[in-house]
Amino acid sequence: MGIDLIFRIAAIGILVSVLNQVLSRSGREEYATMTTLAGLVVVLLMVIKEIVNLFDTIKAMFHF
């Protein structure tokens, strides 16, 4: 893990919020919602990958 994960999550958040505003102002609220959901899924997958790495490290630490 590291600070790069936080920067990647922040970059995705900024990108999704800009796209959401642009799509909402152009009258495409459905696409704005889908963009927000896609950004959320990408961030959740990144976090889940880090949680799996944490559990693998804990498992290796206790030799399970």
C-alpha atoms as a PDB file:
ATOM      1  CA  MET A   1       0.000   0.000   0.000  1.00  0.00           C
ATOM      2  CA  GLY A   2       1.184   3.553   0.097  1.00  0.00           C
ATOM      3  CA  ILE A   3       0.337   7.088  -0.663  1.00  0.00           C
ATOM      4  CA  ASP A   4      -0.049   6.248  -4.364  1.00  0.00           C
ATOM      5  CA  LEU A   5      -3.290   4.374  -3.595  1.00  0.00           C
ATOM      6  CA  ILE A   6      -4.723   7.491  -1.964  1.00  0.00           C
ATOM      7  CA  PHE A   7      -3.672   9.605  -4.949  1.00  0.00           C
ATOM      8  CA  ARG A   8      -5.246   7.145  -7.394  1.00  0.00           C
ATOM      9  CA  ILE A   9      -8.524   7.127  -5.459  1.00  0.00           C
ATOM     10  CA  ALA A  10      -8.497  10.932  -5.312  1.00  0.00           C
ATOM     11  CA  ALA A  11      -7.813  11.180  -9.051  1.00  0.00           C
ATOM     12  CA  ILE A  12     -10.691   8.843  -9.826  1.00  0.00           C
ATOM     13  CA  GLY A  13     -12.948  10.866  -7.528  1.00  0.00           C
ATOM     14  CA  ILE A  14     -12.028  14.141  -9.216  1.00  0.00           C
ATOM     15  CA  LEU A  15     -12.473  12.662 -12.687  1.00  0.00           C
ATOM     16  CA  VAL A  16     -15.848  11.152 -11.825  1.00  0.00           C
ATOM     17  CA  SER A  17     -17.099  14.373 -10.250  1.00  0.00           C
ATOM     18  CA  VAL A  18     -16.089  16.436 -13.299  1.00  0.00           C
ATOM     19  CA  LEU A  19     -17.721  13.949 -15.656  1.00  0.00           C
ATOM     20  CA  ASN A  20     -20.806  13.892 -13.461  1.00  0.00           C
ATOM     21  CA  GLN A  21     -21.125  17.684 -13.588  1.00  0.00           C
ATOM     22  CA  VAL A  22     -20.594  17.828 -17.352  1.00  0.00           C
ATOM     23  CA  LEU A  23     -23.122  15.091 -18.019  1.00  0.00           C
ATOM     24  CA  SER A  24     -25.679  16.535 -15.609  1.00  0.00           C
ATOM     25  CA  ARG A  25     -25.450  19.997 -17.158  1.00  0.00           C
ATOM     26  CA  SER A  26     -25.927  18.558 -20.634  1.00  0.00           C
ATOM     27  CA  GLY A  27     -29.129  16.805 -19.563  1.00  0.00           C
ATOM     28  CA  ARG A  28     -27.803  13.266 -19.447  1.00  0.00           C
ATOM     29  CA  GLU A  29     -28.487  12.370 -15.845  1.00  0.00           C
ATOM     30  CA  GLU A  30     -28.614   8.633 -16.614  1.00  0.00           C
ATOM     31  CA  TYR A  31     -25.065   8.675 -17.947  1.00  0.00           C
ATOM     32  CA  ALA A  32     -23.956  10.774 -14.986  1.00  0.00           C
ATOM     33  CA  THR A  33     -25.345   8.172 -12.604  1.00  0.00           C
ATOM     34  CA  MET A  34     -23.683   5.339 -14.519  1.00  0.00           C
ATOM     35  CA  THR A  35     -20.373   7.193 -14.461  1.00  0.00           C
ATOM     36  CA  THR A  36     -20.644   7.635 -10.706  1.00  0.00           C
ATOM     37  CA  LEU A  37     -21.447   3.955 -10.215  1.00  0.00           C
ATOM     38  CA  ALA A  38     -18.554   2.910 -12.459  1.00  0.00           C
ATOM     39  CA  GLY A  39     -16.159   5.090 -10.467  1.00  0.00           C
ATOM     40  CA  LEU A  40     -17.432   3.596  -7.233  1.00  0.00           C
ATOM     41  CA  VAL A  41     -16.943   0.049  -8.532  1.00  0.00           C
ATOM     42  CA  VAL A  42     -13.386   0.810  -9.679  1.00  0.00           C
ATOM     43  CA  VAL A  43     -12.460   2.264  -6.285  1.00  0.00           C
ATOM     44  CA  LEU A  44     -14.092  -0.631  -4.433  1.00  0.00           C
ATOM     45  CA  LEU A  45     -12.136  -3.140  -6.524  1.00  0.00           C
ATOM     46  CA  MET A  46      -8.907  -1.314  -5.700  1.00  0.00           C
ATOM     47  CA  VAL A  47      -9.707  -1.339  -1.987  1.00  0.00           C
ATOM     48  CA  ILE A  48     -10.768  -5.000  -2.021  1.00  0.00           C
ATOM     49  CA  LYS A  49      -7.458  -5.932  -3.655  1.00  0.00           C
ATOM     50  CA  GLU A  50      -5.597  -4.188  -0.832  1.00  0.00           C
ATOM     51  CA  ILE A  51      -7.744  -5.922   1.806  1.00  0.00           C
ATOM     52  CA  VAL A  52      -6.951  -9.303   0.233  1.00  0.00           C
ATOM     53  CA  ASN A  53      -3.245  -8.436   0.401  1.00  0.00           C
ATOM     54  CA  LEU A  54      -3.673  -7.537   4.078  1.00  0.00           C
ATOM     55  CA  PHE A  55      -5.327 -10.868   4.862  1.00  0.00           C
ATOM     56  CA  ASP A  56      -2.638 -12.762   2.954  1.00  0.00           C
ATOM     57  CA  THR A  57       0.027 -10.969   4.987  1.00  0.00           C
ATOM     58  CA  ILE A  58      -1.759 -11.792   8.243  1.00  0.00           C
ATOM     59  CA  LYS A  59      -2.139 -15.415   7.172  1.00  0.00           C
ATOM     60  CA  ALA A  60       1.568 -15.649   6.329  1.00  0.00           C
ATOM     61  CA  MET A  61       2.462 -14.020   9.636  1.00  0.00           C
ATOM     62  CA  PHE A  62       0.594 -16.631  11.664  1.00  0.00           C
ATOM     63  CA  HIS A  63       1.456 -19.546   9.279  1.00  0.00           C
ATOM     64  CA  PHE A  64      -2.116 -20.579   8.479  1.00  0.00           C
END
